[in-house]
């Protein structure tokens, strides 16, 4: 088996790679963990991870600049149904549009837009949203195989100034309270994404990665 992490010039790639390698070893999976920018490697992958740190438009341009990558992702994820995990901006790119420093077209795999965080002035909350916060799961979401063993109140590590405003509430699997409920996990079918960084979220994040590596949608 092969899990591919896509390198499109976004940061935080190596920590995601190390966490994935660690969980593959711990689970006893005979799995190659490959960091790549080649569409051919994506076509041969059993599952895909798209990390992401930075501005929405920059990340989308970086991904689109990789020769054949958009087509390979659509073939493997949308038509073959291979498991996909998006992390932080990698999750936000699933939206139809991102509104960070202008309007930018996204992958459009999950209906919605990426909007700036807004917090009530009296809340004392700051933007970016940075640090540990509690997850609140949608009804039934904890039954999702990738979320097995996670519970309401589990803490995850966030760093972001924009959030995924889903057009379909059923796509939101978990939220975090930051002035208002903010999308923390989104998913449908063989696709799941986290606004938080599982590779930085200690046991909670590592469990999610381990579940993903064993997930057969």
C-alpha atoms as a PDB file:
ATOM      1  CA  UNK A   1       0.000   0.000   0.000  1.00  0.00           C
ATOM      2  CA  UNK A   2       1.074   3.586  -0.601  1.00  0.00           C
ATOM      3  CA  UNK A   3       0.038   6.827   1.086  1.00  0.00           C
ATOM      4  CA  UNK A   4       1.052   9.991  -0.725  1.00  0.00           C
ATOM      5  CA  UNK A   5       1.513  13.436   0.827  1.00  0.00           C
ATOM      6  CA  UNK A   6       1.399  16.113  -1.841  1.00  0.00           C
ATOM      7  CA  UNK A   7       4.231  18.638  -1.897  1.00  0.00           C
ATOM      8  CA  UNK A   8       3.010  21.805  -3.600  1.00  0.00           C
ATOM      9  CA  UNK A   9       5.196  24.334  -1.817  1.00  0.00           C
ATOM     10  CA  UNK A  10       3.088  24.640   1.328  1.00  0.00           C
ATOM     11  CA  UNK A  11       4.685  24.479   4.756  1.00  0.00           C
ATOM     12  CA  UNK A  12       4.482  21.924   7.555  1.00  0.00           C
ATOM     13  CA  UNK A  13       4.898  19.001   5.201  1.00  0.00           C
ATOM     14  CA  UNK A  14       7.632  17.181   7.123  1.00  0.00           C
ATOM     15  CA  UNK A  15       5.813  17.081  10.451  1.00  0.00           C
ATOM     16  CA  UNK A  16       2.770  15.591   8.694  1.00  0.00           C
ATOM     17  CA  UNK A  17       5.038  13.048   7.015  1.00  0.00           C
ATOM     18  CA  UNK A  18       6.669  12.036  10.304  1.00  0.00           C
ATOM     19  CA  UNK A  19       3.328  11.659  12.084  1.00  0.00           C
ATOM     20  CA  UNK A  20       2.019   9.504   9.232  1.00  0.00           C
ATOM     21  CA  UNK A  21       5.126   7.312   9.242  1.00  0.00           C
ATOM     22  CA  UNK A  22       4.859   6.906  13.012  1.00  0.00           C
ATOM     23  CA  UNK A  23       1.223   5.781  12.846  1.00  0.00           C
ATOM     24  CA  UNK A  24       1.905   3.377   9.989  1.00  0.00           C
ATOM     25  CA  UNK A  25       4.672   1.728  12.044  1.00  0.00           C
ATOM     26  CA  UNK A  26       2.593   1.670  15.225  1.00  0.00           C
ATOM     27  CA  UNK A  27      -0.313   0.033  13.428  1.00  0.00           C
ATOM     28  CA  UNK A  28       1.969  -2.512  11.770  1.00  0.00           C
ATOM     29  CA  UNK A  29       0.935  -1.493   8.281  1.00  0.00           C
ATOM     30  CA  UNK A  30       3.185  -2.427   5.384  1.00  0.00           C
ATOM     31  CA  UNK A  31       2.783   0.960   3.781  1.00  0.00           C
ATOM     32  CA  UNK A  32       5.031   3.273   1.821  1.00  0.00           C
ATOM     33  CA  UNK A  33       4.732   6.923   2.904  1.00  0.00           C
ATOM     34  CA  UNK A  34       5.777   9.110  -0.006  1.00  0.00           C
ATOM     35  CA  UNK A  35       6.105  12.898  -0.269  1.00  0.00           C
ATOM     36  CA  UNK A  36       5.743  13.888  -3.904  1.00  0.00           C
ATOM     37  CA  UNK A  37       4.829  16.590  -6.363  1.00  0.00           C
ATOM     38  CA  UNK A  38       4.360  14.124  -9.247  1.00  0.00           C
ATOM     39  CA  UNK A  39       0.923  13.350 -10.649  1.00  0.00           C
ATOM     40  CA  UNK A  40       2.081   9.842 -11.561  1.00  0.00           C
ATOM     41  CA  UNK A  41       2.675   9.035  -7.898  1.00  0.00           C
ATOM     42  CA  UNK A  42      -0.807  10.250  -7.008  1.00  0.00           C
ATOM     43  CA  UNK A  43      -2.338   7.960  -9.630  1.00  0.00           C
ATOM     44  CA  UNK A  44      -0.609   4.988  -7.988  1.00  0.00           C
ATOM     45  CA  UNK A  45      -1.578   5.904  -4.425  1.00  0.00           C
ATOM     46  CA  UNK A  46      -3.990   4.036  -2.162  1.00  0.00           C
ATOM     47  CA  UNK A  47      -4.719   7.170  -0.124  1.00  0.00           C
ATOM     48  CA  UNK A  48      -3.862  10.866  -0.373  1.00  0.00           C
ATOM     49  CA  UNK A  49      -2.994  13.523   2.228  1.00  0.00           C
ATOM     50  CA  UNK A  50      -3.004  17.210   1.274  1.00  0.00           C
ATOM     51  CA  UNK A  51      -1.360  19.331   3.984  1.00  0.00           C
ATOM     52  CA  UNK A  52      -1.460  23.107   3.817  1.00  0.00           C
ATOM     53  CA  UNK A  53      -0.127  26.234   5.517  1.00  0.00           C
ATOM     54  CA  UNK A  54      -0.383  29.729   4.075  1.00  0.00           C
ATOM     55  CA  UNK A  55      -2.793  31.846   2.080  1.00  0.00           C
ATOM     56  CA  UNK A  56      -5.645  30.155   0.207  1.00  0.00           C
ATOM     57  CA  UNK A  57      -4.845  31.695  -3.176  1.00  0.00           C
ATOM     58  CA  UNK A  58      -1.132  30.902  -2.946  1.00  0.00           C
ATOM     59  CA  UNK A  59      -1.840  27.284  -2.005  1.00  0.00           C
ATOM     60  CA  UNK A  60      -4.361  26.845  -4.814  1.00  0.00           C
ATOM     61  CA  UNK A  61      -1.924  28.307  -7.346  1.00  0.00           C
ATOM     62  CA  UNK A  62       0.858  26.063  -6.049  1.00  0.00           C
ATOM     63  CA  UNK A  63      -1.295  22.953  -6.378  1.00  0.00           C
ATOM     64  CA  UNK A  64      -2.575  23.916  -9.835  1.00  0.00           C
ATOM     65  CA  UNK A  65       0.987  24.605 -11.054  1.00  0.00           C
ATOM     66  CA  UNK A  66       1.965  20.944 -10.626  1.00  0.00           C
ATOM     67  CA  UNK A  67       1.738  19.316 -14.037  1.00  0.00           C
ATOM     68  CA  UNK A  68      -1.299  17.014 -14.263  1.00  0.00           C
ATOM     69  CA  UNK A  69      -1.945  17.134 -10.506  1.00  0.00           C
ATOM     70  CA  UNK A  70      -5.522  18.437 -10.585  1.00  0.00           C
ATOM     71  CA  UNK A  71      -6.495  15.803 -13.126  1.00  0.00           C
ATOM     72  CA  UNK A  72      -4.767  13.042 -11.143  1.00  0.00           C
ATOM     73  CA  UNK A  73      -6.525  14.062  -7.928  1.00  0.00           C
ATOM     74  CA  UNK A  74      -9.927  14.090  -9.605  1.00  0.00           C
ATOM     75  CA  UNK A  75      -9.282  10.668 -11.139  1.00  0.00           C
ATOM     76  CA  UNK A  76      -8.062   9.031  -7.931  1.00  0.00           C
ATOM     77  CA  UNK A  77     -10.321  10.747  -5.373  1.00  0.00           C
ATOM     78  CA  UNK A  78     -13.550  11.493  -7.225  1.00  0.00           C
ATOM     79  CA  UNK A  79     -13.708   8.600  -9.690  1.00  0.00           C
ATOM     80  CA  UNK A  80     -11.773   5.792  -7.977  1.00  0.00           C
ATOM     81  CA  UNK A  81     -12.911   6.755  -4.457  1.00  0.00           C
ATOM     82  CA  UNK A  82      -9.545   6.527  -2.729  1.00  0.00           C
ATOM     83  CA  UNK A  83      -9.431   7.961   0.825  1.00  0.00           C
ATOM     84  CA  UNK A  84      -8.421  11.629   1.046  1.00  0.00           C
ATOM     85  CA  UNK A  85      -7.383  13.733   4.061  1.00  0.00           C
ATOM     86  CA  UNK A  86      -6.980  17.510   3.806  1.00  0.00           C
ATOM     87  CA  UNK A  87      -5.207  19.364   6.618  1.00  0.00           C
ATOM     88  CA  UNK A  88      -5.756  23.061   7.441  1.00  0.00           C
ATOM     89  CA  UNK A  89      -5.558  24.937   4.102  1.00  0.00           C
ATOM     90  CA  UNK A  90      -5.497  21.511   2.443  1.00  0.00           C
ATOM     91  CA  UNK A  91      -9.005  21.074   3.862  1.00  0.00           C
ATOM     92  CA  UNK A  92     -10.064  24.597   2.867  1.00  0.00           C
ATOM     93  CA  UNK A  93      -9.108  23.940  -0.764  1.00  0.00           C
ATOM     94  CA  UNK A  94     -12.006  21.467  -0.923  1.00  0.00           C
ATOM     95  CA  UNK A  95     -14.381  24.459  -1.019  1.00  0.00           C
ATOM     96  CA  UNK A  96     -15.772  26.067  -4.136  1.00  0.00           C
ATOM     97  CA  UNK A  97     -14.178  29.423  -3.374  1.00  0.00           C
ATOM     98  CA  UNK A  98     -11.794  31.053  -0.924  1.00  0.00           C
ATOM     99  CA  UNK A  99     -12.160  34.713   0.013  1.00  0.00           C
ATOM    100  CA  UNK A 100      -8.701  35.390   1.409  1.00  0.00           C
ATOM    101  CA  UNK A 101      -7.180  38.494  -0.239  1.00  0.00           C
ATOM    102  CA  UNK A 102      -9.637  38.296  -3.124  1.00  0.00           C
ATOM    103  CA  UNK A 103     -11.779  35.532  -4.585  1.00  0.00           C
ATOM    104  CA  UNK A 104     -10.056  32.303  -5.574  1.00  0.00           C
ATOM    105  CA  UNK A 105     -11.602  29.206  -7.137  1.00  0.00           C
ATOM    106  CA  UNK A 106     -11.068  26.035  -5.112  1.00  0.00           C
ATOM    107  CA  UNK A 107     -11.352  22.337  -5.915  1.00  0.00           C
ATOM    108  CA  UNK A 108     -15.119  22.450  -5.403  1.00  0.00           C
ATOM    109  CA  UNK A 109     -15.410  18.939  -3.971  1.00  0.00           C
ATOM    110  CA  UNK A 110     -17.524  20.093  -1.011  1.00  0.00           C
ATOM    111  CA  UNK A 111     -19.987  22.939  -1.461  1.00  0.00           C
ATOM    112  CA  UNK A 112     -19.129  26.088   0.457  1.00  0.00           C
ATOM    113  CA  UNK A 113     -16.695  28.968   0.726  1.00  0.00           C
ATOM    114  CA  UNK A 114     -13.742  29.882   2.899  1.00  0.00           C
ATOM    115  CA  UNK A 115     -14.442  33.076   4.822  1.00  0.00           C
ATOM    116  CA  UNK A 116     -12.551  35.281   7.323  1.00  0.00           C
ATOM    117  CA  UNK A 117     -13.020  34.512  10.989  1.00  0.00           C
ATOM    118  CA  UNK A 118     -15.027  37.168  12.819  1.00  0.00           C
ATOM    119  CA  UNK A 119     -15.208  37.345  16.594  1.00  0.00           C
ATOM    120  CA  UNK A 120     -17.336  39.639  18.804  1.00  0.00           C
ATOM    121  CA  UNK A 121     -15.198  42.560  20.044  1.00  0.00           C
ATOM    122  CA  UNK A 122     -16.331  41.944  23.620  1.00  0.00           C
ATOM    123  CA  UNK A 123     -15.194  38.299  23.502  1.00  0.00           C
ATOM    124  CA  UNK A 124     -11.526  39.111  23.926  1.00  0.00           C
ATOM    125  CA  UNK A 125     -10.728  36.500  21.266  1.00  0.00           C
ATOM    126  CA  UNK A 126      -7.932  37.210  18.816  1.00  0.00           C
ATOM    127  CA  UNK A 127      -7.391  36.438  15.163  1.00  0.00           C
ATOM    128  CA  UNK A 128      -5.647  34.284  14.099  1.00  0.00           C
ATOM    129  CA  UNK A 129      -7.272  31.530  16.128  1.00  0.00           C
ATOM    130  CA  UNK A 130      -4.155  29.901  17.537  1.00  0.00           C
ATOM    131  CA  UNK A 131      -3.847  27.188  20.147  1.00  0.00           C
ATOM    132  CA  UNK A 132      -5.721  24.300  21.725  1.00  0.00           C
ATOM    133  CA  UNK A 133      -9.518  24.157  21.606  1.00  0.00           C
ATOM    134  CA  UNK A 134     -12.251  21.627  22.295  1.00  0.00           C
ATOM    135  CA  UNK A 135     -13.979  19.726  19.514  1.00  0.00           C
ATOM    136  CA  UNK A 136     -17.759  19.342  19.392  1.00  0.00           C
ATOM    137  CA  UNK A 137     -19.001  16.535  17.157  1.00  0.00           C
ATOM    138  CA  UNK A 138     -22.167  16.649  15.087  1.00  0.00           C
ATOM    139  CA  UNK A 139     -24.772  13.994  15.980  1.00  0.00           C
ATOM    140  CA  UNK A 140     -23.547  10.637  14.712  1.00  0.00           C
ATOM    141  CA  UNK A 141     -20.215  12.011  13.476  1.00  0.00           C
ATOM    142  CA  UNK A 142     -18.226  10.095  16.092  1.00  0.00           C
ATOM    143  CA  UNK A 143     -19.336   6.923  14.279  1.00  0.00           C
ATOM    144  CA  UNK A 144     -17.229   7.930  11.274  1.00  0.00           C
ATOM    145  CA  UNK A 145     -14.324   5.437  10.998  1.00  0.00           C
ATOM    146  CA  UNK A 146     -11.701   8.196  10.856  1.00  0.00           C
ATOM    147  CA  UNK A 147     -13.085   9.693  14.081  1.00  0.00           C
ATOM    148  CA  UNK A 148     -13.308   6.427  16.018  1.00  0.00           C
ATOM    149  CA  UNK A 149     -12.217   6.878  19.623  1.00  0.00           C
ATOM    150  CA  UNK A 150     -12.532  10.664  19.553  1.00  0.00           C
ATOM    151  CA  UNK A 151     -15.015  12.388  21.854  1.00  0.00           C
ATOM    152  CA  UNK A 152     -16.644  15.731  22.533  1.00  0.00           C
ATOM    153  CA  UNK A 153     -14.227  17.827  24.527  1.00  0.00           C
ATOM    154  CA  UNK A 154     -11.091  16.384  22.962  1.00  0.00           C
ATOM    155  CA  UNK A 155      -8.555  19.117  22.270  1.00  0.00           C
ATOM    156  CA  UNK A 156      -6.890  19.827  18.934  1.00  0.00           C
ATOM    157  CA  UNK A 157      -4.371  22.442  17.825  1.00  0.00           C
ATOM    158  CA  UNK A 158      -5.555  25.234  15.513  1.00  0.00           C
ATOM    159  CA  UNK A 159      -3.736  27.993  13.615  1.00  0.00           C
ATOM    160  CA  UNK A 160      -5.973  29.869  11.162  1.00  0.00           C
ATOM    161  CA  UNK A 161      -7.645  33.155  10.283  1.00  0.00           C
ATOM    162  CA  UNK A 162     -10.201  31.766   7.797  1.00  0.00           C
ATOM    163  CA  UNK A 163     -12.763  28.973   8.067  1.00  0.00           C
ATOM    164  CA  UNK A 164     -14.841  26.681   5.876  1.00  0.00           C
ATOM    165  CA  UNK A 165     -18.440  27.924   5.638  1.00  0.00           C
ATOM    166  CA  UNK A 166     -20.185  24.773   4.407  1.00  0.00           C
ATOM    167  CA  UNK A 167     -23.265  25.106   2.219  1.00  0.00           C
ATOM    168  CA  UNK A 168     -24.478  21.683   3.382  1.00  0.00           C
ATOM    169  CA  UNK A 169     -24.607  21.331   7.198  1.00  0.00           C
ATOM    170  CA  UNK A 170     -24.384  17.541   6.947  1.00  0.00           C
ATOM    171  CA  UNK A 171     -20.825  17.917   5.624  1.00  0.00           C
ATOM    172  CA  UNK A 172     -19.692  19.429   8.951  1.00  0.00           C
ATOM    173  CA  UNK A 173     -18.594  16.592  11.233  1.00  0.00           C
ATOM    174  CA  UNK A 174     -17.232  18.713  14.083  1.00  0.00           C
ATOM    175  CA  UNK A 175     -16.957  22.321  15.154  1.00  0.00           C
ATOM    176  CA  UNK A 176     -14.930  24.394  17.582  1.00  0.00           C
ATOM    177  CA  UNK A 177     -16.343  27.296  19.583  1.00  0.00           C
ATOM    178  CA  UNK A 178     -14.488  30.492  18.693  1.00  0.00           C
ATOM    179  CA  UNK A 179     -17.037  33.211  19.248  1.00  0.00           C
ATOM    180  CA  UNK A 180     -19.383  31.146  17.078  1.00  0.00           C
ATOM    181  CA  UNK A 181     -19.253  27.494  16.008  1.00  0.00           C
ATOM    182  CA  UNK A 182     -16.426  27.201  13.475  1.00  0.00           C
ATOM    183  CA  UNK A 183     -15.947  24.194  11.189  1.00  0.00           C
ATOM    184  CA  UNK A 184     -13.250  21.896  12.582  1.00  0.00           C
ATOM    185  CA  UNK A 185     -13.812  18.693  10.546  1.00  0.00           C
ATOM    186  CA  UNK A 186     -15.575  18.353   7.227  1.00  0.00           C
ATOM    187  CA  UNK A 187     -16.292  15.330   5.088  1.00  0.00           C
ATOM    188  CA  UNK A 188     -18.354  13.346   2.654  1.00  0.00           C
ATOM    189  CA  UNK A 189     -17.968   9.910   1.099  1.00  0.00           C
ATOM    190  CA  UNK A 190     -14.225   9.121   0.848  1.00  0.00           C
ATOM    191  CA  UNK A 191     -13.150  12.706   1.671  1.00  0.00           C
ATOM    192  CA  UNK A 192     -12.365  14.156   5.088  1.00  0.00           C
ATOM    193  CA  UNK A 193     -10.573  17.300   6.175  1.00  0.00           C
ATOM    194  CA  UNK A 194      -9.516  18.967   9.420  1.00  0.00           C
ATOM    195  CA  UNK A 195      -9.081  22.664  10.096  1.00  0.00           C
ATOM    196  CA  UNK A 196      -6.760  21.769  12.961  1.00  0.00           C
ATOM    197  CA  UNK A 197      -3.355  20.156  12.548  1.00  0.00           C
ATOM    198  CA  UNK A 198      -3.580  16.478  13.558  1.00  0.00           C
ATOM    199  CA  UNK A 199       0.206  16.170  13.333  1.00  0.00           C
ATOM    200  CA  UNK A 200       0.442  18.793  16.120  1.00  0.00           C
ATOM    201  CA  UNK A 201      -2.540  17.582  18.157  1.00  0.00           C
ATOM    202  CA  UNK A 202      -0.775  14.850  20.133  1.00  0.00           C
ATOM    203  CA  UNK A 203      -2.843  11.738  20.909  1.00  0.00           C
ATOM    204  CA  UNK A 204      -6.065  13.063  19.370  1.00  0.00           C
ATOM    205  CA  UNK A 205      -4.406  13.915  16.080  1.00  0.00           C
ATOM    206  CA  UNK A 206      -2.316  10.779  15.925  1.00  0.00           C
ATOM    207  CA  UNK A 207      -5.402   8.646  16.508  1.00  0.00           C
ATOM    208  CA  UNK A 208      -7.147  10.409  13.621  1.00  0.00           C
ATOM    209  CA  UNK A 209      -4.169   9.792  11.315  1.00  0.00           C
ATOM    210  CA  UNK A 210      -4.002   6.146  12.374  1.00  0.00           C
ATOM    211  CA  UNK A 211      -7.726   5.756  11.689  1.00  0.00           C
ATOM    212  CA  UNK A 212      -7.302   7.365   8.274  1.00  0.00           C
ATOM    213  CA  UNK A 213      -4.525   4.939   7.322  1.00  0.00           C
ATOM    214  CA  UNK A 214      -6.868   2.043   8.118  1.00  0.00           C
ATOM    215  CA  UNK A 215      -9.965   3.570   6.509  1.00  0.00           C
ATOM    216  CA  UNK A 216     -11.708   1.798   3.653  1.00  0.00           C
ATOM    217  CA  UNK A 217     -14.678   3.965   2.604  1.00  0.00           C
END
